[in-house]
Amino acid sequence: MEETSNMIRRFFRDSAIYTIPSILSNGISFFLIPLYTRVLSPSDYGALDMITVFGSLIAVTVALEISQAFSRFYRDEKTDEGKKVLASTALWFTILMFSGFLIVTLAFAQELSLIVIGVPGLDDIFRLGVIFIWMNGLFYLLRNQLRFELHSKAYSIVSIVQSLTTAGASVLLTYVFHFGIYGFLAGMIIGTATGTSIGFYYLKTTFQLRFDLTKLKTMLAFSIPLVPSSIAVFTNMYIDRLMINCYLSLKEVGLYGMSYRLANISTLVLVGFQTALIPLVYKHYQEPETPNQLATIFRAFLSIMIMIFLILSLFADVALWILTTPEYYAADQMVVFLVPAILLSQMYIFAPGIGISKKTYLYIWINVAGAILNILFNWLLIPQIGPIGAGIATLIGSAFVFGAYMYYSQKFYYVPHDWEAIASVVLVAVALVIIGLHIHLELYINLFIRGCLILLMLGVFLFFGILKWKEIVHVRNLVPARWSQR
């Protein structure tokens, strides 16, 4: 019991620490929106978004998802030496694969640029994007290593430095030196290179000139079956922009990308939960109290996410009016669909049963089915109602995948969720958003009514038992206790 209590204490403490760089990164990204929209046209922003989409595909394919295998086997290593050899093997394999990707894509940049962006003459922009993707692949692995060594403070420092350096360099190169989209990409490279360097410094005692082929084969045997699943996840997340670019234009991709950027603020807290929870679940899942603790954490998470959904959906139009130019105002229409879609796509952390039982083949079938569903609805809806159709299709695909994850996870590792209460608060939240968006009075009256609807949701949580006073008080006491122990 004490061990499980320690798990929850560490979860809330680490979650808070991991959330800080997420808040900073997304906060910087949010407050740079006025710069983006005054320097980049929707078409420029669309080109940047297509490079981001390409980078996301590369991230889940080139290194064959070895980082996921590393996270699975790291805790199984009994000695520090074994852990270092495993980490070093994953590092050198990742460097090898991403360097090969860099060489090939730079050699064929002209042809690949036309395929990825869809517009000729953007070869140099594509080359800068490829360099960033290469650097980001290493940065991602280093942050994962810090996370699974439970170095939450070092993780936060690396992430914060990377975010601040990226923002500073991007502003300087774009706004001061007027390099436009080239400045944004160069700033991203500079920031990620800085974060990578600091990550290597923190991990200087972990990585060695060691490479164990047997450990590599073990990791790849676990991770390679996950690649098709990851491609399906990628499809679920990004097919919307690919099909918008196919059926419409880069301008609509840019508007959709701006809507996605605003909706992506919803991941601020999610990153903290996700980064802190997964290592702790793999460490404590065999303890009898862990399922109950997971149910408690999920209720807390759900409450926060619903509040964020309400705020972003009800105030998206005001945010875009303040932060952007008239060219981008139409982006508010997609936010109400993209916020829950983004959250659902990342909530697999609350369905650990598939990973614990090592039935990873289910990831493939679930995500492929979700991708097919997503493609189908994008194909049906985008030609009829434009980018809004892409938002709806993305929500449908994400909801299906999360539902399937949770269904199978509960079969292999049961967690006592109160689904009736959960469904009730979700329906009430949707109803409040519909009411708020259909009230058209004067601006200040609208804002007041929307604020009241958000406050009303707090009472709904208490009424249905999603939030409980005794748990709130308990968590409030746990976090300072954990800090004082350190």
Protein backbone atom coordinates (compact mmCIF):
# COMPACT_ATOMS: atom_id res chain seq x y z
CA MET A 1 0.00 0.00 0.00
CA GLU A 2 2.81 2.38 0.91
CA GLU A 3 4.57 1.57 -2.35
CA THR A 4 1.44 2.41 -4.34
CA SER A 5 0.98 5.63 -2.39
CA ASN A 6 4.55 6.50 -3.32
CA MET A 7 3.68 5.82 -6.94
CA ILE A 8 0.84 8.33 -6.84
CA ARG A 9 2.96 10.88 -5.03
CA ARG A 10 5.71 10.54 -7.60
CA PHE A 11 3.16 10.65 -10.42
CA PHE A 12 1.70 14.00 -9.37
CA ARG A 13 5.13 15.43 -8.60
CA ASP A 14 6.65 14.25 -11.91
CA SER A 15 3.52 15.16 -13.83
CA ALA A 16 3.76 18.73 -12.55
CA ILE A 17 7.44 18.92 -13.52
CA TYR A 18 6.88 17.42 -16.97
CA THR A 19 3.96 19.78 -17.55
CA ILE A 20 6.12 22.88 -17.03
CA PRO A 21 8.09 22.54 -20.31
CA SER A 22 4.89 21.59 -22.12
CA ILE A 23 3.17 24.74 -20.86
CA LEU A 24 6.19 26.81 -21.81
CA SER A 25 6.57 25.26 -25.26
CA ASN A 26 2.89 25.49 -26.15
CA GLY A 27 2.62 28.86 -24.46
CA ILE A 28 5.47 30.22 -26.58
CA SER A 29 3.93 28.66 -29.66
CA PHE A 30 0.59 30.24 -28.76
CA PHE A 31 1.99 33.73 -28.21
CA LEU A 32 4.02 33.50 -31.42
CA ILE A 33 0.81 33.13 -33.40
CA PRO A 34 0.63 36.91 -34.04
CA LEU A 35 4.13 36.68 -35.53
CA TYR A 36 3.27 33.64 -37.62
CA THR A 37 0.15 35.22 -39.06
CA ARG A 38 1.79 38.56 -39.84
CA VAL A 39 4.88 37.08 -41.46
CA LEU A 40 3.46 33.95 -43.08
CA SER A 41 0.48 33.78 -45.40
CA PRO A 42 -1.92 30.83 -44.95
CA SER A 43 -0.16 29.19 -47.92
CA ASP A 44 3.27 29.59 -46.26
CA TYR A 45 1.87 28.21 -43.06
CA GLY A 46 0.42 25.33 -45.05
CA ALA A 47 3.85 24.52 -46.48
CA LEU A 48 5.33 24.54 -42.97
CA ASP A 49 2.54 22.24 -41.84
CA MET A 50 3.22 19.76 -44.65
CA ILE A 51 6.89 19.56 -43.60
CA THR A 52 5.71 18.89 -40.04
CA VAL A 53 3.47 16.11 -41.33
CA PHE A 54 6.39 14.57 -43.22
CA GLY A 55 8.56 14.80 -40.10
CA SER A 56 5.94 12.98 -38.05
CA LEU A 57 5.90 10.12 -40.55
CA ILE A 58 9.68 9.87 -40.49
CA ALA A 59 9.71 9.89 -36.67
CA VAL A 60 7.66 6.67 -36.48
CA THR A 61 9.30 4.79 -39.37
CA VAL A 62 12.99 5.50 -39.83
CA ALA A 63 14.20 4.21 -36.44
CA LEU A 64 11.60 1.41 -36.48
CA GLU A 65 10.06 2.64 -33.21
CA ILE A 66 13.06 1.41 -31.24
CA SER A 67 12.35 4.01 -28.56
CA GLN A 68 9.13 2.15 -27.69
CA ALA A 69 11.04 -1.11 -27.38
CA PHE A 70 13.64 0.59 -25.23
CA SER A 71 10.94 1.88 -22.90
CA ARG A 72 9.53 -1.64 -22.60
CA PHE A 73 12.81 -3.45 -21.84
CA TYR A 74 14.69 -0.79 -19.88
CA ARG A 75 13.09 -1.73 -16.55
CA ASP A 76 13.71 -5.43 -17.20
CA GLU A 77 17.48 -4.90 -17.15
CA LYS A 78 18.72 -5.92 -13.70
CA THR A 79 22.05 -4.05 -13.71
CA ASP A 80 23.13 -0.48 -14.45
CA GLU A 81 25.62 -1.84 -16.97
CA GLY A 82 22.88 -3.69 -18.82
CA LYS A 83 20.76 -0.54 -18.93
CA LYS A 84 23.66 1.48 -20.34
CA VAL A 85 24.33 -1.10 -23.06
CA LEU A 86 20.64 -1.15 -23.98
CA ALA A 87 20.50 2.67 -24.11
CA SER A 88 23.73 2.91 -26.13
CA THR A 89 22.50 0.33 -28.63
CA ALA A 90 19.26 2.25 -29.14
CA LEU A 91 21.19 5.52 -29.54
CA TRP A 92 23.67 4.31 -32.16
CA PHE A 93 20.94 2.54 -34.12
CA THR A 94 18.88 5.75 -34.14
CA ILE A 95 21.85 7.87 -35.27
CA LEU A 96 22.61 5.40 -38.06
CA MET A 97 19.05 5.27 -39.37
CA PHE A 98 18.37 9.01 -39.21
CA SER A 99 21.71 9.84 -40.81
CA GLY A 100 20.90 7.50 -43.68
CA PHE A 101 17.53 9.25 -44.03
CA LEU A 102 19.26 12.66 -44.12
CA ILE A 103 21.68 11.65 -46.87
CA VAL A 104 18.99 10.13 -49.10
CA THR A 105 16.47 12.95 -48.72
CA LEU A 106 19.02 15.70 -49.36
CA ALA A 107 20.15 13.86 -52.49
CA PHE A 108 16.58 13.72 -53.83
CA ALA A 109 15.28 16.95 -52.29
CA GLN A 110 13.85 18.38 -55.51
CA GLU A 111 11.69 15.36 -56.26
CA LEU A 112 10.65 14.74 -52.65
CA SER A 113 9.79 18.41 -52.07
CA LEU A 114 7.20 18.29 -54.82
CA ILE A 115 5.71 15.10 -53.38
CA VAL A 116 5.60 16.34 -49.78
CA ILE A 117 4.60 19.99 -50.20
CA GLY A 118 2.82 19.70 -53.54
CA VAL A 119 4.13 22.99 -54.95
CA PRO A 120 7.29 23.38 -57.09
CA GLY A 121 10.12 25.74 -56.19
CA LEU A 122 10.29 25.04 -52.43
CA ASP A 123 13.37 22.79 -52.51
CA ASP A 124 15.46 24.87 -50.08
CA ILE A 125 12.59 25.05 -47.59
CA PHE A 126 12.32 21.28 -47.79
CA ARG A 127 16.07 20.83 -47.22
CA LEU A 128 15.93 22.92 -44.05
CA GLY A 129 12.93 20.89 -42.93
CA VAL A 130 14.83 17.63 -43.47
CA ILE A 131 17.76 18.84 -41.35
CA PHE A 132 15.33 19.71 -38.56
CA ILE A 133 13.68 16.27 -38.81
CA TRP A 134 17.08 14.58 -38.51
CA MET A 135 18.03 16.61 -35.45
CA ASN A 136 14.61 16.14 -33.86
CA GLY A 137 14.92 12.36 -34.14
CA LEU A 138 17.97 12.43 -31.86
CA PHE A 139 16.37 14.96 -29.52
CA TYR A 140 13.29 12.77 -29.10
CA LEU A 141 15.40 9.74 -28.13
CA LEU A 142 17.43 11.73 -25.58
CA ARG A 143 14.29 13.10 -23.91
CA ASN A 144 12.90 9.58 -23.72
CA GLN A 145 16.10 8.40 -22.06
CA LEU A 146 15.83 11.13 -19.41
CA ARG A 147 12.21 10.22 -18.85
CA PHE A 148 12.82 6.51 -18.32
CA GLU A 149 15.72 7.19 -16.00
CA LEU A 150 13.14 9.27 -14.08
CA HIS A 151 15.25 12.43 -14.40
CA SER A 152 12.20 14.66 -14.57
CA LYS A 153 14.07 17.88 -13.72
CA ALA A 154 16.73 17.31 -16.38
CA TYR A 155 13.96 16.47 -18.85
CA SER A 156 12.28 19.78 -18.08
CA ILE A 157 15.49 21.79 -18.37
CA VAL A 158 16.32 20.26 -21.75
CA SER A 159 12.79 20.86 -23.03
CA ILE A 160 12.64 24.44 -21.73
CA VAL A 161 16.01 25.39 -23.22
CA GLN A 162 14.99 23.88 -26.55
CA SER A 163 11.70 25.82 -26.57
CA LEU A 164 13.24 29.16 -25.55
CA THR A 165 16.12 28.86 -28.01
CA THR A 166 13.78 27.90 -30.83
CA ALA A 167 11.49 30.83 -30.09
CA GLY A 168 14.33 33.34 -29.74
CA ALA A 169 16.12 32.24 -32.90
CA SER A 170 12.87 32.11 -34.91
CA VAL A 171 11.83 35.62 -33.86
CA LEU A 172 15.29 37.01 -34.57
CA LEU A 173 15.65 35.41 -37.98
CA THR A 174 12.06 35.94 -39.10
CA TYR A 175 11.01 39.25 -37.62
CA VAL A 176 14.34 41.10 -37.34
CA PHE A 177 16.21 39.74 -40.37
CA HIS A 178 13.05 39.10 -42.45
CA PHE A 179 13.94 35.56 -43.55
CA GLY A 180 10.29 34.46 -43.52
CA ILE A 181 9.63 30.74 -43.47
CA TYR A 182 13.39 30.08 -43.82
CA GLY A 183 13.88 31.87 -40.50
CA PHE A 184 11.29 29.72 -38.75
CA LEU A 185 12.91 26.50 -39.93
CA ALA A 186 16.43 27.70 -39.11
CA GLY A 187 15.24 28.69 -35.63
CA MET A 188 13.78 25.22 -35.12
CA ILE A 189 17.11 23.65 -36.11
CA ILE A 190 19.11 25.91 -33.78
CA GLY A 191 16.76 25.28 -30.84
CA THR A 192 16.68 21.51 -31.30
CA ALA A 193 20.46 21.33 -31.72
CA THR A 194 20.88 23.24 -28.45
CA GLY A 195 18.46 20.93 -26.62
CA THR A 196 20.19 17.87 -28.06
CA SER A 197 23.59 19.09 -26.86
CA ILE A 198 22.32 19.63 -23.32
CA GLY A 199 20.62 16.22 -23.39
CA PHE A 200 23.92 14.55 -24.25
CA TYR A 201 25.56 16.43 -21.38
CA TYR A 202 23.04 15.10 -18.86
CA LEU A 203 23.40 11.59 -20.23
CA LYS A 204 27.19 11.55 -20.56
CA THR A 205 27.46 8.69 -18.09
CA THR A 206 24.69 6.66 -19.76
CA PHE A 207 25.81 6.39 -23.38
CA GLN A 208 28.91 4.43 -24.31
CA LEU A 209 30.70 3.24 -27.42
CA ARG A 210 28.85 -0.04 -27.03
CA PHE A 211 26.55 -1.86 -29.44
CA ASP A 212 24.91 -5.17 -28.55
CA LEU A 213 23.46 -6.93 -31.58
CA THR A 214 21.50 -9.39 -29.42
CA LYS A 215 19.80 -6.58 -27.51
CA LEU A 216 19.10 -4.80 -30.80
CA LYS A 217 17.39 -7.90 -32.19
CA THR A 218 15.30 -8.21 -29.02
CA MET A 219 14.20 -4.58 -29.22
CA LEU A 220 13.44 -4.76 -32.95
CA ALA A 221 11.43 -7.96 -32.49
CA PHE A 222 9.21 -5.94 -30.17
CA SER A 223 9.20 -2.64 -32.08
CA ILE A 224 8.96 -3.60 -35.76
CA PRO A 225 5.39 -4.95 -35.37
CA LEU A 226 4.52 -1.55 -33.92
CA VAL A 227 5.60 0.35 -37.06
CA PRO A 228 2.45 -0.44 -39.09
CA SER A 229 0.44 0.57 -36.04
CA SER A 230 2.39 3.82 -35.77
CA ILE A 231 1.85 4.51 -39.46
CA ALA A 232 -1.85 4.00 -38.87
CA VAL A 233 -1.65 6.42 -35.92
CA PHE A 234 0.12 8.88 -38.20
CA THR A 235 -2.65 8.43 -40.75
CA ASN A 236 -5.27 9.10 -38.10
CA MET A 237 -3.47 12.28 -37.05
CA TYR A 238 -2.41 13.73 -40.40
CA ILE A 239 -4.54 12.32 -43.21
CA ASP A 240 -6.76 15.38 -42.75
CA ARG A 241 -4.03 17.78 -43.94
CA LEU A 242 -2.91 15.47 -46.72
CA MET A 243 -6.45 15.23 -48.09
CA ILE A 244 -7.14 18.94 -47.63
CA ASN A 245 -4.00 19.61 -49.69
CA CYS A 246 -5.23 17.09 -52.27
CA TYR A 247 -8.83 18.32 -52.57
CA LEU A 248 -8.38 22.01 -51.75
CA SER A 249 -5.10 23.99 -51.47
CA LEU A 250 -2.17 24.95 -49.23
CA LYS A 251 -4.21 27.94 -48.05
CA GLU A 252 -6.85 25.67 -46.52
CA VAL A 253 -4.06 23.51 -45.07
CA GLY A 254 -2.71 26.65 -43.41
CA LEU A 255 -6.11 27.57 -41.94
CA TYR A 256 -6.58 24.02 -40.68
CA GLY A 257 -3.05 24.05 -39.28
CA MET A 258 -3.78 27.25 -37.36
CA SER A 259 -6.93 25.66 -35.95
CA TYR A 260 -4.90 22.60 -34.97
CA ARG A 261 -2.26 24.78 -33.29
CA LEU A 262 -4.94 26.44 -31.18
CA ALA A 263 -6.60 23.11 -30.34
CA ASN A 264 -3.21 21.58 -29.52
CA ILE A 265 -3.03 23.75 -26.40
CA SER A 266 -5.23 21.02 -24.92
CA THR A 267 -2.14 18.80 -24.70
CA LEU A 268 -0.50 21.07 -22.12
CA VAL A 269 -1.53 18.88 -19.19
CA LEU A 270 -1.67 15.68 -21.23
CA VAL A 271 2.09 15.72 -21.81
CA GLY A 272 2.69 15.84 -18.06
CA PHE A 273 0.29 12.96 -17.44
CA GLN A 274 1.66 10.95 -20.35
CA THR A 275 5.33 11.45 -19.57
CA ALA A 276 4.99 10.69 -15.87
CA LEU A 277 2.42 7.90 -16.01
CA ILE A 278 3.81 5.36 -18.47
CA PRO A 279 7.08 4.57 -16.61
CA LEU A 280 5.20 4.33 -13.30
CA VAL A 281 2.53 2.00 -14.73
CA TYR A 282 5.16 -0.43 -16.03
CA LYS A 283 6.88 -0.32 -12.64
CA HIS A 284 3.79 -0.79 -10.44
CA TYR A 285 1.20 -2.61 -12.56
CA GLN A 286 1.53 -5.86 -10.57
CA GLU A 287 0.56 -4.19 -7.30
CA PRO A 288 -3.11 -4.79 -6.34
CA GLU A 289 -3.94 -1.12 -5.66
CA THR A 290 -2.62 0.19 -8.98
CA PRO A 291 -5.89 -0.24 -10.99
CA ASN A 292 -7.82 1.83 -8.45
CA GLN A 293 -5.12 4.49 -8.53
CA LEU A 294 -5.26 4.57 -12.34
CA ALA A 295 -9.02 5.08 -12.21
CA THR A 296 -8.51 8.02 -9.84
CA ILE A 297 -5.86 9.56 -12.09
CA PHE A 298 -8.11 9.12 -15.12
CA ARG A 299 -10.98 10.97 -13.44
CA ALA A 300 -8.66 13.83 -12.54
CA PHE A 301 -7.34 13.89 -16.10
CA LEU A 302 -10.84 13.81 -17.58
CA SER A 303 -11.94 16.77 -15.46
CA ILE A 304 -9.01 18.89 -16.60
CA MET A 305 -9.44 17.94 -20.24
CA ILE A 306 -13.15 18.71 -20.30
CA MET A 307 -12.48 22.15 -18.83
CA ILE A 308 -9.87 22.80 -21.51
CA PHE A 309 -12.31 21.56 -24.17
CA LEU A 310 -14.92 24.04 -22.96
CA ILE A 311 -12.51 26.97 -22.78
CA LEU A 312 -10.95 26.41 -26.20
CA SER A 313 -14.24 25.66 -27.96
CA LEU A 314 -16.12 28.62 -26.49
CA PHE A 315 -13.34 31.19 -26.84
CA ALA A 316 -11.60 30.11 -30.08
CA ASP A 317 -13.15 32.93 -32.10
CA VAL A 318 -12.04 35.54 -29.56
CA ALA A 319 -8.50 34.10 -29.43
CA LEU A 320 -8.13 34.19 -33.22
CA TRP A 321 -9.58 37.71 -33.38
CA ILE A 322 -6.97 38.90 -30.89
CA LEU A 323 -3.97 36.91 -32.13
CA THR A 324 -4.30 36.66 -35.89
CA THR A 325 -5.20 38.59 -39.02
CA PRO A 326 -8.55 38.37 -40.86
CA GLU A 327 -7.10 35.77 -43.24
CA TYR A 328 -7.10 33.27 -40.35
CA TYR A 329 -10.43 34.01 -38.62
CA ALA A 330 -12.22 31.09 -40.29
CA ALA A 331 -9.93 28.66 -38.42
CA ASP A 332 -12.18 28.84 -35.33
CA GLN A 333 -14.79 26.56 -36.94
CA MET A 334 -12.61 23.43 -36.64
CA VAL A 335 -11.42 23.86 -33.04
CA VAL A 336 -14.52 22.31 -31.44
CA PHE A 337 -13.82 19.04 -33.30
CA LEU A 338 -10.04 19.04 -33.10
CA VAL A 339 -9.70 19.51 -29.33
CA PRO A 340 -11.42 16.20 -28.43
CA ALA A 341 -9.82 14.48 -31.43
CA ILE A 342 -6.31 15.44 -30.26
CA LEU A 343 -7.03 14.38 -26.69
CA LEU A 344 -8.52 11.03 -27.66
CA SER A 345 -5.57 10.27 -29.94
CA GLN A 346 -3.19 10.59 -26.97
CA MET A 347 -5.28 8.92 -24.27
CA TYR A 348 -3.89 5.45 -24.97
CA ILE A 349 -1.82 5.95 -21.80
CA PHE A 350 -4.97 5.07 -19.86
CA ALA A 351 -5.30 1.76 -21.70
CA PRO A 352 -2.12 -0.04 -20.58
CA GLY A 353 -3.48 -3.58 -20.75
CA ILE A 354 -2.37 -4.27 -24.32
CA GLY A 355 1.24 -3.30 -23.61
CA ILE A 356 1.35 -5.07 -20.26
CA SER A 357 0.07 -8.28 -21.82
CA LYS A 358 2.52 -7.83 -24.75
CA LYS A 359 -0.30 -8.32 -27.27
CA THR A 360 1.10 -5.53 -29.47
CA TYR A 361 -0.43 -6.98 -32.64
CA LEU A 362 -3.71 -5.46 -31.46
CA TYR A 363 -2.22 -1.99 -31.87
CA ILE A 364 -1.82 -2.71 -35.57
CA TRP A 365 -5.38 -3.85 -36.20
CA ILE A 366 -6.98 -1.13 -34.10
CA ASN A 367 -5.00 1.70 -35.65
CA VAL A 368 -5.35 0.39 -39.19
CA ALA A 369 -9.12 0.16 -38.72
CA GLY A 370 -9.15 3.69 -37.32
CA ALA A 371 -7.06 4.97 -40.22
CA ILE A 372 -9.41 3.40 -42.76
CA LEU A 373 -12.38 4.98 -40.99
CA ASN A 374 -10.61 8.34 -40.92
CA ILE A 375 -9.71 8.20 -44.60
CA LEU A 376 -13.27 7.23 -45.52
CA PHE A 377 -14.87 10.13 -43.67
CA ASN A 378 -12.26 12.61 -44.94
CA TRP A 379 -13.01 11.42 -48.46
CA LEU A 380 -16.75 11.81 -47.91
CA LEU A 381 -16.78 15.09 -45.99
CA ILE A 382 -13.95 17.33 -47.27
CA PRO A 383 -15.38 17.77 -50.80
CA GLN A 384 -18.78 18.58 -49.24
CA ILE A 385 -18.01 20.89 -46.31
CA GLY A 386 -14.29 21.66 -46.64
CA PRO A 387 -11.84 21.69 -43.69
CA ILE A 388 -14.68 21.28 -41.16
CA GLY A 389 -15.25 17.84 -42.66
CA ALA A 390 -11.63 16.98 -41.94
CA GLY A 391 -12.10 17.95 -38.30
CA ILE A 392 -15.20 15.76 -37.98
CA ALA A 393 -13.47 12.81 -39.67
CA THR A 394 -10.46 13.14 -37.38
CA LEU A 395 -12.71 13.11 -34.32
CA ILE A 396 -14.54 10.00 -35.52
CA GLY A 397 -11.27 8.14 -36.16
CA SER A 398 -9.74 9.13 -32.81
CA ALA A 399 -12.88 8.16 -30.88
CA PHE A 400 -12.95 4.73 -32.52
CA VAL A 401 -9.28 4.04 -31.76
CA PHE A 402 -9.53 5.11 -28.13
CA GLY A 403 -12.69 3.05 -27.64
CA ALA A 404 -11.03 -0.06 -29.08
CA TYR A 405 -7.87 0.49 -27.00
CA MET A 406 -9.89 0.78 -23.83
CA TYR A 407 -12.07 -2.23 -24.65
CA TYR A 408 -9.11 -4.59 -25.09
CA SER A 409 -7.09 -3.03 -22.29
CA GLN A 410 -9.92 -3.70 -19.85
CA LYS A 411 -9.96 -7.35 -20.90
CA PHE A 412 -6.25 -7.81 -20.11
CA TYR A 413 -5.79 -5.37 -17.23
CA TYR A 414 -9.07 -4.31 -15.64
CA VAL A 415 -9.35 -0.80 -14.21
CA PRO A 416 -12.59 0.06 -12.34
CA HIS A 417 -13.81 3.08 -14.31
CA ASP A 418 -17.31 4.48 -13.67
CA TRP A 419 -18.36 4.65 -17.32
CA GLU A 420 -21.88 5.87 -16.59
CA ALA A 421 -20.60 8.94 -14.75
CA ILE A 422 -17.92 9.53 -17.40
CA ALA A 423 -20.47 9.41 -20.23
CA SER A 424 -22.78 11.75 -18.33
CA VAL A 425 -20.21 14.51 -17.82
CA VAL A 426 -19.04 14.23 -21.44
CA LEU A 427 -22.61 14.67 -22.72
CA VAL A 428 -23.19 17.64 -20.43
CA ALA A 429 -19.96 19.25 -21.66
CA VAL A 430 -20.99 18.82 -25.29
CA ALA A 431 -24.40 20.31 -24.52
CA LEU A 432 -22.83 23.34 -22.82
CA VAL A 433 -20.57 23.98 -25.83
CA ILE A 434 -23.54 23.77 -28.22
CA ILE A 435 -25.49 26.22 -26.06
CA GLY A 436 -22.57 28.62 -25.77
CA LEU A 437 -21.84 28.68 -29.51
CA HIS A 438 -25.48 29.32 -30.40
CA ILE A 439 -25.90 32.39 -28.20
CA HIS A 440 -25.30 35.51 -30.29
CA LEU A 441 -25.62 38.66 -28.20
CA GLU A 442 -23.22 41.52 -27.61
CA LEU A 443 -19.58 40.54 -27.15
CA TYR A 444 -19.31 41.10 -23.40
CA ILE A 445 -22.62 39.36 -22.72
CA ASN A 446 -21.49 36.39 -24.80
CA LEU A 447 -18.21 36.20 -22.90
CA PHE A 448 -20.01 36.37 -19.55
CA ILE A 449 -22.46 33.61 -20.47
CA ARG A 450 -19.68 31.37 -21.78
CA GLY A 451 -17.70 31.90 -18.58
CA CYS A 452 -20.74 30.92 -16.49
CA LEU A 453 -21.15 27.74 -18.53
CA ILE A 454 -17.56 26.79 -17.79
CA LEU A 455 -18.02 27.38 -14.05
CA LEU A 456 -21.22 25.33 -14.14
CA MET A 457 -19.16 22.35 -15.33
CA LEU A 458 -17.31 22.25 -12.01
CA GLY A 459 -20.58 21.54 -10.23
CA VAL A 460 -21.36 18.82 -12.77
CA PHE A 461 -18.08 17.06 -11.90
CA LEU A 462 -18.93 17.04 -8.21
CA PHE A 463 -22.53 15.96 -8.83
CA PHE A 464 -21.53 12.88 -10.86
CA GLY A 465 -18.58 12.03 -8.61
CA ILE A 466 -15.87 12.63 -11.20
CA LEU A 467 -14.27 14.99 -8.70
CA LYS A 468 -14.45 14.22 -4.99
CA TRP A 469 -13.53 16.65 -2.24
CA LYS A 470 -11.64 14.08 -0.18
CA GLU A 471 -9.48 13.13 -3.18
CA ILE A 472 -8.76 16.77 -4.00
CA VAL A 473 -7.61 17.38 -0.43
CA HIS A 474 -5.58 14.15 -0.45
CA VAL A 475 -3.74 15.02 -3.67
CA ARG A 476 -3.12 18.56 -2.44
CA ASN A 477 -1.41 17.10 0.63
CA LEU A 478 0.56 14.45 -1.28
CA VAL A 479 2.47 16.81 -3.57
CA PRO A 480 4.01 19.06 -0.89
CA ALA A 481 4.84 15.94 1.14
CA ARG A 482 6.75 14.49 -1.76
CA TRP A 483 8.60 17.75 -2.39
CA SER A 484 9.56 18.04 1.27
CA GLN A 485 11.05 14.53 1.14
CA ARG A 486 13.35 15.62 -1.65
